[in-house]
Amino acid sequence: MQSENKIFADFAKFINGAAGTVAGMGREAGESARENMREWIAGMDFVSREEFDAVKDMAAKAREEADDLKKRVDALEAAAAKKPAAKRAPRKAASKSAGKSSGKSESSGKAG
């Protein structure tokens, strides 16, 4: 009977050793897979969350500035559209009368 107990004891040690080895292999395989995944992702040029947030903030600021500049350009264009219309009529009339009074042709008046 004692030999049977020794066989069972040796078999239990063998199974325990094999289970420990399999568990260690599983941990090592998991760590290796994680490392390979990190290397693969690093090679794909992903950005970090901090970099993404910084660029997002810069884009939002640039959009706000562009909107402000658009409003200013629209206001300036509206003001420019009103002003030249009032000035153009007297300017043309003044150049015609200046050309007649000095006796010069219109082409010589425009060359200056």
N, C-alpha and C. Protein backbone atom coordinates (compact mmCIF):
# COMPACT_ATOMS: atom_id res chain seq x y z
N MET A 1 0.79 -1.19 0.00
CA MET A 1 0.00 0.00 0.00
C MET A 1 0.84 1.26 0.00
N GLN A 2 1.95 1.12 0.64
CA GLN A 2 2.79 2.28 0.69
C GLN A 2 3.26 2.67 -0.70
N SER A 3 3.52 1.74 -1.57
CA SER A 3 3.95 2.05 -2.93
C SER A 3 2.83 2.73 -3.69
N GLU A 4 1.60 2.38 -3.43
CA GLU A 4 0.48 3.04 -4.11
C GLU A 4 0.40 4.50 -3.67
N ASN A 5 0.59 4.76 -2.39
CA ASN A 5 0.55 6.13 -1.89
C ASN A 5 1.68 6.96 -2.51
N LYS A 6 2.83 6.36 -2.66
CA LYS A 6 3.94 7.07 -3.25
C LYS A 6 3.63 7.39 -4.71
N ILE A 7 3.01 6.49 -5.42
CA ILE A 7 2.65 6.75 -6.82
C ILE A 7 1.67 7.90 -6.90
N PHE A 8 0.67 7.87 -6.03
CA PHE A 8 -0.31 8.97 -6.03
C PHE A 8 0.34 10.29 -5.63
N ALA A 9 1.25 10.25 -4.68
CA ALA A 9 1.93 11.47 -4.24
C ALA A 9 2.80 12.02 -5.37
N ASP A 10 3.51 11.14 -6.05
CA ASP A 10 4.34 11.59 -7.18
C ASP A 10 3.47 12.13 -8.31
N PHE A 11 2.36 11.47 -8.56
CA PHE A 11 1.45 11.93 -9.60
C PHE A 11 0.87 13.31 -9.25
N ALA A 12 0.53 13.53 -7.98
CA ALA A 12 0.01 14.83 -7.54
C ALA A 12 1.07 15.91 -7.68
N LYS A 13 2.32 15.59 -7.33
CA LYS A 13 3.41 16.56 -7.51
C LYS A 13 3.59 16.90 -8.99
N PHE A 14 3.52 15.88 -9.82
CA PHE A 14 3.66 16.09 -11.26
C PHE A 14 2.56 17.00 -11.79
N ILE A 15 1.31 16.74 -11.37
CA ILE A 15 0.18 17.55 -11.82
C ILE A 15 0.32 18.98 -11.31
N ASN A 16 0.71 19.14 -10.05
CA ASN A 16 0.91 20.50 -9.50
C ASN A 16 2.00 21.24 -10.25
N GLY A 17 3.08 20.58 -10.54
CA GLY A 17 4.17 21.20 -11.31
C GLY A 17 3.72 21.59 -12.71
N ALA A 18 2.97 20.68 -13.33
CA ALA A 18 2.48 20.97 -14.68
C ALA A 18 1.50 22.14 -14.66
N ALA A 19 0.64 22.19 -13.65
CA ALA A 19 -0.32 23.30 -13.55
C ALA A 19 0.42 24.62 -13.35
N GLY A 20 1.45 24.61 -12.52
CA GLY A 20 2.24 25.83 -12.30
C GLY A 20 2.94 26.26 -13.58
N THR A 21 3.45 25.28 -14.31
CA THR A 21 4.13 25.60 -15.57
C THR A 21 3.15 26.18 -16.59
N VAL A 22 1.99 25.56 -16.69
CA VAL A 22 0.98 26.06 -17.63
C VAL A 22 0.53 27.46 -17.23
N ALA A 23 0.35 27.72 -15.94
CA ALA A 23 -0.05 29.05 -15.47
C ALA A 23 1.04 30.07 -15.80
N GLY A 24 2.29 29.70 -15.58
CA GLY A 24 3.40 30.60 -15.91
C GLY A 24 3.48 30.89 -17.41
N MET A 25 3.24 29.85 -18.21
CA MET A 25 3.25 30.05 -19.66
C MET A 25 2.12 30.97 -20.08
N GLY A 26 0.97 30.84 -19.42
CA GLY A 26 -0.17 31.71 -19.73
C GLY A 26 0.15 33.16 -19.40
N ARG A 27 0.76 33.39 -18.22
CA ARG A 27 1.14 34.76 -17.85
C ARG A 27 2.16 35.33 -18.84
N GLU A 28 3.14 34.52 -19.19
CA GLU A 28 4.18 34.97 -20.11
C GLU A 28 3.60 35.25 -21.49
N ALA A 29 2.68 34.41 -21.94
CA ALA A 29 2.05 34.63 -23.24
C ALA A 29 1.22 35.92 -23.22
N GLY A 30 0.52 36.17 -22.12
CA GLY A 30 -0.26 37.40 -22.00
C GLY A 30 0.62 38.64 -22.02
N GLU A 31 1.73 38.60 -21.28
CA GLU A 31 2.66 39.73 -21.26
C GLU A 31 3.28 39.94 -22.64
N SER A 32 3.62 38.87 -23.30
CA SER A 32 4.19 38.97 -24.64
C SER A 32 3.18 39.56 -25.63
N ALA A 33 1.94 39.13 -25.52
CA ALA A 33 0.90 39.66 -26.40
C ALA A 33 0.68 41.14 -26.15
N ARG A 34 0.68 41.56 -24.86
CA ARG A 34 0.52 42.98 -24.55
C ARG A 34 1.68 43.80 -25.11
N GLU A 35 2.88 43.29 -24.96
CA GLU A 35 4.06 44.01 -25.48
C GLU A 35 4.00 44.11 -27.00
N ASN A 36 3.62 43.02 -27.66
CA ASN A 36 3.49 43.07 -29.13
C ASN A 36 2.42 44.06 -29.56
N MET A 37 1.33 44.13 -28.82
CA MET A 37 0.25 45.08 -29.13
C MET A 37 0.74 46.50 -28.93
N ARG A 38 1.48 46.77 -27.87
CA ARG A 38 2.03 48.12 -27.64
C ARG A 38 2.95 48.53 -28.79
N GLU A 39 3.81 47.62 -29.21
CA GLU A 39 4.72 47.92 -30.32
C GLU A 39 3.94 48.16 -31.61
N TRP A 40 2.92 47.38 -31.86
CA TRP A 40 2.11 47.54 -33.07
C TRP A 40 1.40 48.89 -33.07
N ILE A 41 0.81 49.24 -31.93
CA ILE A 41 0.10 50.52 -31.83
C ILE A 41 1.08 51.68 -31.94
N ALA A 42 2.24 51.56 -31.32
CA ALA A 42 3.25 52.63 -31.39
C ALA A 42 3.70 52.84 -32.84
N GLY A 43 3.74 51.79 -33.60
CA GLY A 43 4.15 51.92 -35.00
C GLY A 43 3.10 52.55 -35.89
N MET A 44 1.87 52.67 -35.40
CA MET A 44 0.79 53.23 -36.20
C MET A 44 0.66 54.74 -36.03
N ASP A 45 1.54 55.38 -35.27
CA ASP A 45 1.56 56.82 -35.07
C ASP A 45 0.27 57.37 -34.49
N PHE A 46 -0.29 56.69 -33.51
CA PHE A 46 -1.43 57.23 -32.79
C PHE A 46 -0.94 58.37 -31.90
N VAL A 47 -1.80 59.31 -31.62
CA VAL A 47 -1.43 60.42 -30.74
C VAL A 47 -1.94 60.14 -29.34
N SER A 48 -1.30 60.76 -28.39
CA SER A 48 -1.76 60.60 -27.01
C SER A 48 -2.99 61.47 -26.78
N ARG A 49 -3.68 61.21 -25.72
CA ARG A 49 -4.89 61.97 -25.39
C ARG A 49 -4.54 63.44 -25.15
N GLU A 50 -3.40 63.69 -24.50
CA GLU A 50 -2.98 65.06 -24.23
C GLU A 50 -2.74 65.83 -25.52
N GLU A 51 -2.06 65.18 -26.48
CA GLU A 51 -1.81 65.84 -27.77
C GLU A 51 -3.11 66.11 -28.51
N PHE A 52 -4.02 65.15 -28.47
CA PHE A 52 -5.31 65.33 -29.14
C PHE A 52 -6.08 66.50 -28.54
N ASP A 53 -6.13 66.57 -27.20
CA ASP A 53 -6.84 67.65 -26.55
C ASP A 53 -6.21 69.01 -26.86
N ALA A 54 -4.87 69.06 -26.91
CA ALA A 54 -4.20 70.32 -27.22
C ALA A 54 -4.54 70.78 -28.63
N VAL A 55 -4.51 69.89 -29.59
CA VAL A 55 -4.83 70.26 -30.97
C VAL A 55 -6.30 70.62 -31.10
N LYS A 56 -7.16 69.93 -30.37
CA LYS A 56 -8.59 70.25 -30.39
C LYS A 56 -8.83 71.66 -29.87
N ASP A 57 -8.15 72.03 -28.79
CA ASP A 57 -8.28 73.38 -28.25
C ASP A 57 -7.76 74.43 -29.24
N MET A 58 -6.64 74.12 -29.89
CA MET A 58 -6.09 75.05 -30.89
C MET A 58 -7.05 75.23 -32.05
N ALA A 59 -7.68 74.16 -32.49
CA ALA A 59 -8.62 74.24 -33.60
C ALA A 59 -9.85 75.05 -33.21
N ALA A 60 -10.33 74.88 -31.99
CA ALA A 60 -11.49 75.65 -31.53
C ALA A 60 -11.15 77.13 -31.47
N LYS A 61 -9.96 77.45 -30.98
CA LYS A 61 -9.53 78.85 -30.91
C LYS A 61 -9.38 79.43 -32.31
N ALA A 62 -8.81 78.68 -33.22
CA ALA A 62 -8.65 79.15 -34.60
C ALA A 62 -10.01 79.38 -35.26
N ARG A 63 -10.96 78.51 -34.99
CA ARG A 63 -12.31 78.69 -35.55
C ARG A 63 -12.96 79.95 -35.01
N GLU A 64 -12.81 80.20 -33.71
CA GLU A 64 -13.37 81.42 -33.12
C GLU A 64 -12.73 82.66 -33.74
N GLU A 65 -11.40 82.64 -33.91
CA GLU A 65 -10.72 83.78 -34.51
C GLU A 65 -11.16 83.97 -35.96
N ALA A 66 -11.35 82.87 -36.68
CA ALA A 66 -11.80 82.97 -38.07
C ALA A 66 -13.21 83.55 -38.14
N ASP A 67 -14.08 83.14 -37.22
CA ASP A 67 -15.44 83.70 -37.18
C ASP A 67 -15.40 85.19 -36.87
N ASP A 68 -14.54 85.59 -35.91
CA ASP A 68 -14.41 87.01 -35.58
C ASP A 68 -13.90 87.80 -36.79
N LEU A 69 -12.90 87.26 -37.46
CA LEU A 69 -12.35 87.94 -38.64
C LEU A 69 -13.38 88.02 -39.76
N LYS A 70 -14.17 86.99 -39.93
CA LYS A 70 -15.23 87.01 -40.95
C LYS A 70 -16.22 88.13 -40.67
N LYS A 71 -16.60 88.27 -39.39
CA LYS A 71 -17.52 89.34 -39.02
C LYS A 71 -16.90 90.71 -39.31
N ARG A 72 -15.61 90.86 -39.00
CA ARG A 72 -14.94 92.14 -39.26
C ARG A 72 -14.87 92.43 -40.75
N VAL A 73 -14.55 91.41 -41.55
CA VAL A 73 -14.47 91.60 -43.00
C VAL A 73 -15.84 91.95 -43.56
N ASP A 74 -16.87 91.28 -43.09
CA ASP A 74 -18.22 91.59 -43.56
C ASP A 74 -18.60 93.03 -43.20
N ALA A 75 -18.24 93.46 -41.99
CA ALA A 75 -18.55 94.83 -41.58
C ALA A 75 -17.77 95.83 -42.44
N LEU A 76 -16.50 95.54 -42.70
CA LEU A 76 -15.69 96.44 -43.53
C LEU A 76 -16.20 96.49 -44.96
N GLU A 77 -16.60 95.34 -45.49
CA GLU A 77 -17.14 95.32 -46.85
C GLU A 77 -18.45 96.09 -46.93
N ALA A 78 -19.27 95.97 -45.90
CA ALA A 78 -20.54 96.71 -45.89
C ALA A 78 -20.26 98.21 -45.82
N ALA A 79 -19.29 98.60 -44.99
CA ALA A 79 -18.95 100.02 -44.88
C ALA A 79 -18.32 100.52 -46.18
N ALA A 80 -17.50 99.70 -46.80
CA ALA A 80 -16.85 100.10 -48.06
C ALA A 80 -17.87 100.20 -49.18
N ALA A 81 -18.89 99.37 -49.15
CA ALA A 81 -19.92 99.42 -50.18
C ALA A 81 -20.73 100.70 -50.08
N LYS A 82 -20.90 101.23 -48.89
CA LYS A 82 -21.66 102.46 -48.70
C LYS A 82 -20.84 103.70 -49.06
N LYS A 83 -19.58 103.74 -48.68
CA LYS A 83 -18.75 104.93 -48.87
C LYS A 83 -18.41 105.22 -50.33
N PRO A 84 -17.89 104.30 -51.10
CA PRO A 84 -17.51 104.63 -52.49
C PRO A 84 -18.70 105.04 -53.35
N ALA A 85 -19.87 104.56 -53.08
CA ALA A 85 -21.03 104.94 -53.88
C ALA A 85 -21.29 106.43 -53.73
N ALA A 86 -21.09 106.99 -52.58
CA ALA A 86 -21.31 108.42 -52.36
C ALA A 86 -20.17 109.24 -52.94
N LYS A 87 -18.94 108.73 -52.94
CA LYS A 87 -17.78 109.48 -53.42
C LYS A 87 -17.60 109.39 -54.94
N ARG A 88 -18.03 108.32 -55.56
CA ARG A 88 -17.77 108.12 -56.98
C ARG A 88 -18.44 109.19 -57.85
N ALA A 89 -19.67 109.53 -57.57
CA ALA A 89 -20.39 110.49 -58.41
C ALA A 89 -19.70 111.86 -58.43
N PRO A 90 -19.35 112.44 -57.31
CA PRO A 90 -18.68 113.75 -57.36
C PRO A 90 -17.29 113.66 -57.97
N ARG A 91 -16.60 112.57 -57.81
CA ARG A 91 -15.25 112.45 -58.33
C ARG A 91 -15.27 112.46 -59.87
N LYS A 92 -16.20 111.72 -60.47
CA LYS A 92 -16.31 111.69 -61.92
C LYS A 92 -16.70 113.06 -62.44
N ALA A 93 -17.64 113.70 -61.78
CA ALA A 93 -18.07 115.02 -62.21
C ALA A 93 -16.93 116.02 -62.07
N ALA A 94 -16.14 115.92 -61.04
CA ALA A 94 -15.03 116.84 -60.82
C ALA A 94 -13.96 116.65 -61.87
N SER A 95 -13.67 115.42 -62.26
CA SER A 95 -12.62 115.20 -63.25
C SER A 95 -13.08 115.66 -64.63
N LYS A 96 -14.35 115.54 -64.95
CA LYS A 96 -14.85 116.02 -66.24
C LYS A 96 -14.78 117.54 -66.31
N SER A 97 -15.18 118.17 -65.22
CA SER A 97 -15.16 119.63 -65.24
C SER A 97 -13.74 120.15 -65.21
N ALA A 98 -12.83 119.46 -64.55
CA ALA A 98 -11.44 119.88 -64.51
C ALA A 98 -10.82 119.75 -65.89
N GLY A 99 -11.18 118.70 -66.62
CA GLY A 99 -10.65 118.51 -67.97
C GLY A 99 -11.16 119.56 -68.92
N LYS A 100 -12.38 120.00 -68.78
CA LYS A 100 -12.95 121.01 -69.66
C LYS A 100 -12.37 122.38 -69.36
N SER A 101 -12.17 122.69 -68.12
CA SER A 101 -11.71 124.03 -67.78
C SER A 101 -10.25 124.23 -68.12
N SER A 102 -9.44 123.20 -68.07
CA SER A 102 -8.03 123.37 -68.37
C SER A 102 -7.74 123.17 -69.84
N GLY A 103 -8.71 122.64 -70.58
CA GLY A 103 -8.52 122.44 -72.01
C GLY A 103 -7.77 121.18 -72.33
N LYS A 104 -7.52 120.30 -71.36
CA LYS A 104 -6.81 119.05 -71.58
C LYS A 104 -7.79 117.97 -71.92
N SER A 105 -7.33 116.96 -72.63
CA SER A 105 -8.20 115.82 -72.93
C SER A 105 -8.34 114.94 -71.70
N GLU A 106 -9.36 114.07 -71.72
CA GLU A 106 -9.60 113.19 -70.59
C GLU A 106 -8.47 112.19 -70.39
N SER A 107 -7.84 111.74 -71.46
CA SER A 107 -6.78 110.75 -71.33
C SER A 107 -5.59 111.34 -70.60
N SER A 108 -5.26 112.60 -70.79
CA SER A 108 -4.13 113.18 -70.09
C SER A 108 -4.47 113.41 -68.62
N GLY A 109 -5.75 113.58 -68.30
CA GLY A 109 -6.16 113.76 -66.91
C GLY A 109 -6.09 112.47 -66.14
N LYS A 110 -6.25 111.33 -66.82
CA LYS A 110 -6.22 110.03 -66.14
C LYS A 110 -4.80 109.53 -65.94
N ALA A 111 -3.86 109.99 -66.69
CA ALA A 111 -2.51 109.45 -66.63
C ALA A 111 -1.79 109.80 -65.35
N GLY A 112 -2.23 110.76 -64.60
CA GLY A 112 -1.52 111.22 -63.41
C GLY A 112 -1.69 110.39 -62.27
